[in-house]
Amino acid sequence: MTQVAGRRGGLDERAVLLVAGLADLAMSAMGSALGTMRGLLRRSDAAELAAEAEHDLMARGRLVLDRYAAVPPAHLEILARHALARQATDDV
């Protein structure tokens, strides 16, 4: 996969290089994560760390569900509430 000077690689070559780079990055990240996990498992407070991690994951899950699962209020409902609030302040 050598390139001639001054000539850009073909689309296939670029795709292969991108995939190879992403694979290398993923393997590097996994190796780093495994090293971190080994270090965590050697700790004496591993149970407390696991409990904290579980709590953090549950909080993150709650945030995701709130962000994507909650149905926003209807647009006309919001406008009606604003109109009622405005009318209430005008009556006072």
Protein backbone atom coordinates (compact mmCIF):
# COMPACT_ATOMS: atom_id res chain seq x y z
CA MET A 1 0.00 0.00 0.00
CA THR A 2 2.64 2.48 -0.94
CA GLN A 3 1.72 5.71 -2.60
CA VAL A 4 3.37 7.33 -5.57
CA ALA A 5 4.77 10.77 -4.61
CA GLY A 6 2.20 13.52 -5.12
CA ARG A 7 -0.69 11.10 -5.60
CA ARG A 8 -3.44 10.56 -3.06
CA GLY A 9 -4.44 7.05 -2.10
CA GLY A 10 -7.61 5.56 -3.45
CA LEU A 11 -10.82 5.40 -1.49
CA ASP A 12 -10.26 1.72 -0.66
CA GLU A 13 -6.81 2.40 0.72
CA ARG A 14 -8.07 5.30 2.83
CA ALA A 15 -10.90 3.16 4.22
CA VAL A 16 -8.46 0.37 5.14
CA LEU A 17 -6.13 2.85 6.85
CA LEU A 18 -9.02 4.39 8.80
CA VAL A 19 -10.28 1.01 9.96
CA ALA A 20 -6.78 -0.07 10.96
CA GLY A 21 -6.28 3.16 12.90
CA LEU A 22 -9.62 2.77 14.68
CA ALA A 23 -8.83 -0.85 15.54
CA ASP A 24 -5.46 0.16 16.97
CA LEU A 25 -7.08 2.92 19.02
CA ALA A 26 -9.73 0.52 20.35
CA MET A 27 -7.12 -2.09 21.29
CA SER A 28 -5.02 0.54 23.03
CA ALA A 29 -8.04 1.77 24.99
CA MET A 30 -9.01 -1.78 25.94
CA GLY A 31 -5.48 -2.53 27.11
CA SER A 32 -5.48 0.58 29.25
CA ALA A 33 -8.91 -0.28 30.67
CA LEU A 34 -7.79 -3.83 31.51
CA GLY A 35 -4.73 -2.49 33.30
CA THR A 36 -6.92 -0.16 35.31
CA MET A 37 -9.31 -3.00 36.16
CA ARG A 38 -6.42 -5.18 37.36
CA GLY A 39 -5.26 -2.36 39.60
CA LEU A 40 -8.76 -1.87 40.98
CA LEU A 41 -9.23 -5.56 41.71
CA ARG A 42 -6.05 -5.57 43.81
CA ARG A 43 -7.42 -2.87 46.09
CA SER A 44 -8.81 -3.74 49.50
CA ASP A 45 -11.85 -1.49 49.09
CA ALA A 46 -13.02 -3.15 45.86
CA ALA A 47 -16.51 -3.80 47.27
CA GLU A 48 -17.01 -0.12 48.07
CA LEU A 49 -15.71 0.87 44.64
CA ALA A 50 -18.13 -1.56 43.00
CA ALA A 51 -21.02 -0.15 45.02
CA GLU A 52 -20.06 3.40 44.02
CA ALA A 53 -19.75 2.36 40.38
CA GLU A 54 -23.20 0.75 40.53
CA HIS A 55 -24.66 3.91 42.08
CA ASP A 56 -23.02 6.09 39.43
CA LEU A 57 -24.26 3.84 36.61
CA MET A 58 -27.80 3.89 37.96
CA ALA A 59 -27.71 7.70 38.22
CA ARG A 60 -26.40 7.93 34.67
CA GLY A 61 -29.15 5.57 33.50
CA ARG A 62 -31.76 7.69 35.23
CA LEU A 63 -30.43 10.79 33.47
CA VAL A 64 -30.51 9.06 30.08
CA LEU A 65 -34.07 7.87 30.60
CA ASP A 66 -35.15 11.32 31.74
CA ARG A 67 -33.54 12.88 28.70
CA TYR A 68 -34.90 10.51 26.06
CA ALA A 69 -37.98 8.82 27.52
CA ALA A 70 -39.78 11.81 28.99
CA VAL A 71 -42.43 13.24 26.72
CA PRO A 72 -42.18 17.02 26.52
CA PRO A 73 -45.36 18.97 27.26
CA ALA A 74 -47.55 19.81 24.30
CA HIS A 75 -46.77 23.12 22.63
CA LEU A 76 -50.38 24.35 22.82
CA GLU A 77 -50.51 23.43 26.50
CA ILE A 78 -47.48 25.61 27.17
CA LEU A 79 -49.04 28.50 25.24
CA ALA A 80 -52.30 28.12 27.18
CA ARG A 81 -50.45 28.22 30.49
CA HIS A 82 -48.58 31.36 29.44
CA ALA A 83 -51.85 32.99 28.37
CA LEU A 84 -53.52 32.13 31.68
CA ALA A 85 -50.53 33.46 33.62
CA ARG A 86 -50.55 36.66 31.58
CA GLN A 87 -54.30 37.03 32.08
CA ALA A 88 -53.92 36.51 35.83
CA THR A 89 -51.28 39.26 36.04
CA ASP A 90 -53.42 41.62 33.93
CA ASP A 91 -56.44 41.09 36.21
CA VAL A 92 -54.46 42.08 39.31
